[in-house]
Amino acid sequence: MAIVTIAACKLVRLTDGRDWRAWAISVVVFSVTALAGREPITSASAPAC
């Protein structure tokens, strides 16, 4: 679990850099994922049933 956390932190620092808007989006997506227990999926990207 720790290895995944460290890798995720490095990836976020690499992709978001000093852009505060990118950090804000990352925090929101992380929070929604953590609270919901699954990744947020929009209706546009959901497969048709």
PDB file of N, CA and C in Angstrom:
ATOM      1  N   MET A   1       0.824  -1.189   0.000  1.00  0.00           N
ATOM      2  CA  MET A   1       0.000   0.000   0.000  1.00  0.00           C
ATOM      3  C   MET A   1       0.871   1.257   0.000  1.00  0.00           C
ATOM      4  N   ALA A   2       1.957   1.231   0.763  1.00  0.00           N
ATOM      5  CA  ALA A   2       2.837   2.399   0.838  1.00  0.00           C
ATOM      6  C   ALA A   2       3.503   2.678  -0.501  1.00  0.00           C
ATOM      7  N   ILE A   3       3.862   1.633  -1.216  1.00  0.00           N
ATOM      8  CA  ILE A   3       4.509   1.823  -2.522  1.00  0.00           C
ATOM      9  C   ILE A   3       3.554   2.507  -3.495  1.00  0.00           C
ATOM     10  N   VAL A   4       2.296   2.112  -3.470  1.00  0.00           N
ATOM     11  CA  VAL A   4       1.294   2.726  -4.350  1.00  0.00           C
ATOM     12  C   VAL A   4       1.095   4.188  -3.977  1.00  0.00           C
ATOM     13  N   THR A   5       1.049   4.484  -2.696  1.00  0.00           N
ATOM     14  CA  THR A   5       0.871   5.864  -2.227  1.00  0.00           C
ATOM     15  C   THR A   5       2.034   6.745  -2.655  1.00  0.00           C
ATOM     16  N   ILE A   6       3.246   6.246  -2.483  1.00  0.00           N
ATOM     17  CA  ILE A   6       4.429   7.020  -2.883  1.00  0.00           C
ATOM     18  C   ILE A   6       4.423   7.268  -4.387  1.00  0.00           C
ATOM     19  N   ALA A   7       4.108   6.249  -5.170  1.00  0.00           N
ATOM     20  CA  ALA A   7       4.066   6.396  -6.627  1.00  0.00           C
ATOM     21  C   ALA A   7       2.984   7.388  -7.039  1.00  0.00           C
ATOM     22  N   ALA A   8       1.832   7.342  -6.382  1.00  0.00           N
ATOM     23  CA  ALA A   8       0.747   8.272  -6.698  1.00  0.00           C
ATOM     24  C   ALA A   8       1.146   9.709  -6.383  1.00  0.00           C
ATOM     25  N   CYS A   9       1.807   9.915  -5.262  1.00  0.00           N
ATOM     26  CA  CYS A   9       2.259  11.268  -4.903  1.00  0.00           C
ATOM     27  C   CYS A   9       3.264  11.805  -5.910  1.00  0.00           C
ATOM     28  N   LYS A  10       4.193  10.968  -6.337  1.00  0.00           N
ATOM     29  CA  LYS A  10       5.171  11.390  -7.339  1.00  0.00           C
ATOM     30  C   LYS A  10       4.490  11.732  -8.659  1.00  0.00           C
ATOM     31  N   LEU A  11       3.511  10.927  -9.050  1.00  0.00           N
ATOM     32  CA  LEU A  11       2.793  11.178 -10.294  1.00  0.00           C
ATOM     33  C   LEU A  11       2.018  12.488 -10.240  1.00  0.00           C
ATOM     34  N   VAL A  12       1.365  12.760  -9.118  1.00  0.00           N
ATOM     35  CA  VAL A  12       0.608  14.010  -8.978  1.00  0.00           C
ATOM     36  C   VAL A  12       1.546  15.203  -9.026  1.00  0.00           C
ATOM     37  N   ARG A  13       2.683  15.125  -8.331  1.00  0.00           N
ATOM     38  CA  ARG A  13       3.646  16.230  -8.371  1.00  0.00           C
ATOM     39  C   ARG A  13       4.170  16.455  -9.779  1.00  0.00           C
ATOM     40  N   LEU A  14       4.390  15.378 -10.511  1.00  0.00           N
ATOM     41  CA  LEU A  14       4.913  15.482 -11.867  1.00  0.00           C
ATOM     42  C   LEU A  14       3.879  16.095 -12.814  1.00  0.00           C
ATOM     43  N   THR A  15       2.645  15.652 -12.721  1.00  0.00           N
ATOM     44  CA  THR A  15       1.623  16.113 -13.666  1.00  0.00           C
ATOM     45  C   THR A  15       1.043  17.472 -13.289  1.00  0.00           C
ATOM     46  N   ASP A  16       0.861  17.747 -11.994  1.00  0.00           N
ATOM     47  CA  ASP A  16       0.242  19.006 -11.570  1.00  0.00           C
ATOM     48  C   ASP A  16       1.244  20.144 -11.430  1.00  0.00           C
ATOM     49  N   GLY A  17       2.451  19.836 -11.020  1.00  0.00           N
ATOM     50  CA  GLY A  17       3.482  20.865 -10.892  1.00  0.00           C
ATOM     51  C   GLY A  17       3.071  22.000  -9.979  1.00  0.00           C
ATOM     52  N   ARG A  18       3.159  23.214 -10.477  1.00  0.00           N
ATOM     53  CA  ARG A  18       2.825  24.396  -9.682  1.00  0.00           C
ATOM     54  C   ARG A  18       1.467  24.985 -10.063  1.00  0.00           C
ATOM     55  N   ASP A  19       0.698  24.269 -10.855  1.00  0.00           N
ATOM     56  CA  ASP A  19      -0.618  24.745 -11.286  1.00  0.00           C
ATOM     57  C   ASP A  19      -1.651  24.472 -10.198  1.00  0.00           C
ATOM     58  N   TRP A  20      -2.114  25.514  -9.527  1.00  0.00           N
ATOM     59  CA  TRP A  20      -3.033  25.332  -8.407  1.00  0.00           C
ATOM     60  C   TRP A  20      -4.384  24.796  -8.865  1.00  0.00           C
ATOM     61  N   ARG A  21      -4.791  25.112 -10.101  1.00  0.00           N
ATOM     62  CA  ARG A  21      -6.077  24.583 -10.602  1.00  0.00           C
ATOM     63  C   ARG A  21      -6.007  23.075 -10.800  1.00  0.00           C
ATOM     64  N   ALA A  22      -4.884  22.595 -11.302  1.00  0.00           N
ATOM     65  CA  ALA A  22      -4.717  21.155 -11.474  1.00  0.00           C
ATOM     66  C   ALA A  22      -4.707  20.451 -10.120  1.00  0.00           C
ATOM     67  N   TRP A  23      -4.077  21.074  -9.121  1.00  0.00           N
ATOM     68  CA  TRP A  23      -4.078  20.501  -7.772  1.00  0.00           C
ATOM     69  C   TRP A  23      -5.502  20.461  -7.215  1.00  0.00           C
ATOM     70  N   ALA A  24      -6.265  21.523  -7.445  1.00  0.00           N
ATOM     71  CA  ALA A  24      -7.641  21.564  -6.940  1.00  0.00           C
ATOM     72  C   ALA A  24      -8.484  20.455  -7.566  1.00  0.00           C
ATOM     73  N   ILE A  25      -8.329  20.249  -8.868  1.00  0.00           N
ATOM     74  CA  ILE A  25      -9.066  19.184  -9.553  1.00  0.00           C
ATOM     75  C   ILE A  25      -8.641  17.825  -9.019  1.00  0.00           C
ATOM     76  N   SER A  26      -7.359  17.637  -8.811  1.00  0.00           N
ATOM     77  CA  SER A  26      -6.856  16.368  -8.278  1.00  0.00           C
ATOM     78  C   SER A  26      -7.414  16.084  -6.888  1.00  0.00           C
ATOM     79  N   VAL A  27      -7.481  17.117  -6.056  1.00  0.00           N
ATOM     80  CA  VAL A  27      -8.019  16.951  -4.700  1.00  0.00           C
ATOM     81  C   VAL A  27      -9.491  16.572  -4.743  1.00  0.00           C
ATOM     82  N   VAL A  28     -10.253  17.223  -5.619  1.00  0.00           N
ATOM     83  CA  VAL A  28     -11.682  16.916  -5.731  1.00  0.00           C
ATOM     84  C   VAL A  28     -11.886  15.486  -6.219  1.00  0.00           C
ATOM     85  N   VAL A  29     -11.155  15.090  -7.253  1.00  0.00           N
ATOM     86  CA  VAL A  29     -11.294  13.728  -7.781  1.00  0.00           C
ATOM     87  C   VAL A  29     -10.881  12.707  -6.733  1.00  0.00           C
ATOM     88  N   PHE A  30      -9.784  12.969  -6.013  1.00  0.00           N
ATOM     89  CA  PHE A  30      -9.347  12.066  -4.955  1.00  0.00           C
ATOM     90  C   PHE A  30     -10.413  11.953  -3.873  1.00  0.00           C
ATOM     91  N   SER A  31     -10.980  13.077  -3.461  1.00  0.00           N
ATOM     92  CA  SER A  31     -11.985  13.068  -2.398  1.00  0.00           C
ATOM     93  C   SER A  31     -13.226  12.286  -2.802  1.00  0.00           C
ATOM     94  N   VAL A  32     -13.699  12.519  -4.019  1.00  0.00           N
ATOM     95  CA  VAL A  32     -14.882  11.803  -4.501  1.00  0.00           C
ATOM     96  C   VAL A  32     -14.600  10.307  -4.572  1.00  0.00           C
ATOM     97  N   THR A  33     -13.433   9.948  -5.072  1.00  0.00           N
ATOM     98  CA  THR A  33     -13.066   8.536  -5.172  1.00  0.00           C
ATOM     99  C   THR A  33     -12.961   7.901  -3.787  1.00  0.00           C
ATOM    100  N   ALA A  34     -12.341   8.590  -2.847  1.00  0.00           N
ATOM    101  CA  ALA A  34     -12.177   8.052  -1.497  1.00  0.00           C
ATOM    102  C   ALA A  34     -13.516   7.903  -0.787  1.00  0.00           C
ATOM    103  N   LEU A  35     -14.389   8.897  -0.918  1.00  0.00           N
ATOM    104  CA  LEU A  35     -15.681   8.847  -0.233  1.00  0.00           C
ATOM    105  C   LEU A  35     -16.642   7.850  -0.866  1.00  0.00           C
ATOM    106  N   ALA A  36     -16.648   7.786  -2.187  1.00  0.00           N
ATOM    107  CA  ALA A  36     -17.585   6.905  -2.884  1.00  0.00           C
ATOM    108  C   ALA A  36     -17.089   5.462  -2.939  1.00  0.00           C
ATOM    109  N   GLY A  37     -15.801   5.281  -2.856  1.00  0.00           N
ATOM    110  CA  GLY A  37     -15.248   3.938  -2.933  1.00  0.00           C
ATOM    111  C   GLY A  37     -15.136   3.426  -4.354  1.00  0.00           C
ATOM    112  N   ARG A  38     -15.350   4.295  -5.326  1.00  0.00           N
ATOM    113  CA  ARG A  38     -15.192   3.940  -6.738  1.00  0.00           C
ATOM    114  C   ARG A  38     -14.874   5.210  -7.513  1.00  0.00           C
ATOM    115  N   GLU A  39     -14.376   5.031  -8.735  1.00  0.00           N
ATOM    116  CA  GLU A  39     -13.998   6.180  -9.540  1.00  0.00           C
ATOM    117  C   GLU A  39     -15.231   6.850 -10.137  1.00  0.00           C
ATOM    118  N   PRO A  40     -15.217   8.195 -10.200  1.00  0.00           N
ATOM    119  CA  PRO A  40     -16.356   8.900 -10.796  1.00  0.00           C
ATOM    120  C   PRO A  40     -16.403   8.644 -12.307  1.00  0.00           C
ATOM    121  N   ILE A  41     -17.580   8.288 -12.803  1.00  0.00           N
ATOM    122  CA  ILE A  41     -17.756   8.023 -14.227  1.00  0.00           C
ATOM    123  C   ILE A  41     -18.885   8.919 -14.723  1.00  0.00           C
ATOM    124  N   THR A  42     -18.619   9.674 -15.767  1.00  0.00           N
ATOM    125  CA  THR A  42     -19.640  10.527 -16.336  1.00  0.00           C
ATOM    126  C   THR A  42     -20.495   9.730 -17.298  1.00  0.00           C
ATOM    127  N   SER A  43     -21.670  10.218 -17.602  1.00  0.00           N
ATOM    128  CA  SER A  43     -22.575   9.491 -18.486  1.00  0.00           C
ATOM    129  C   SER A  43     -22.011   9.433 -19.912  1.00  0.00           C
ATOM    130  N   ALA A  44     -21.161  10.392 -20.274  1.00  0.00           N
ATOM    131  CA  ALA A  44     -20.589  10.409 -21.621  1.00  0.00           C
ATOM    132  C   ALA A  44     -19.574   9.275 -21.818  1.00  0.00           C
ATOM    133  N   SER A  45     -18.892   8.891 -20.738  1.00  0.00           N
ATOM    134  CA  SER A  45     -17.873   7.850 -20.884  1.00  0.00           C
ATOM    135  C   SER A  45     -18.377   6.468 -20.458  1.00  0.00           C
ATOM    136  N   ALA A  46     -19.605   6.401 -19.960  1.00  0.00           N
ATOM    137  CA  ALA A  46     -20.152   5.114 -19.526  1.00  0.00           C
ATOM    138  C   ALA A  46     -20.577   4.299 -20.758  1.00  0.00           C
ATOM    139  N   PRO A  47     -20.316   3.000 -20.724  1.00  0.00           N
ATOM    140  CA  PRO A  47     -20.732   2.176 -21.865  1.00  0.00           C
ATOM    141  C   PRO A  47     -22.247   2.055 -21.961  1.00  0.00           C
ATOM    142  N   ALA A  48     -22.744   1.963 -23.166  1.00  0.00           N
ATOM    143  CA  ALA A  48     -24.183   1.823 -23.385  1.00  0.00           C
ATOM    144  C   ALA A  48     -24.627   0.416 -23.009  1.00  0.00           C
ATOM    145  N   CYS A  49     -25.765   0.329 -22.364  1.00  0.00           N
ATOM    146  CA  CYS A  49     -26.277  -0.985 -21.947  1.00  0.00           C
ATOM    147  C   CYS A  49     -27.240  -1.546 -22.972  1.00  0.00           C
TER     148      CYS A  49
END
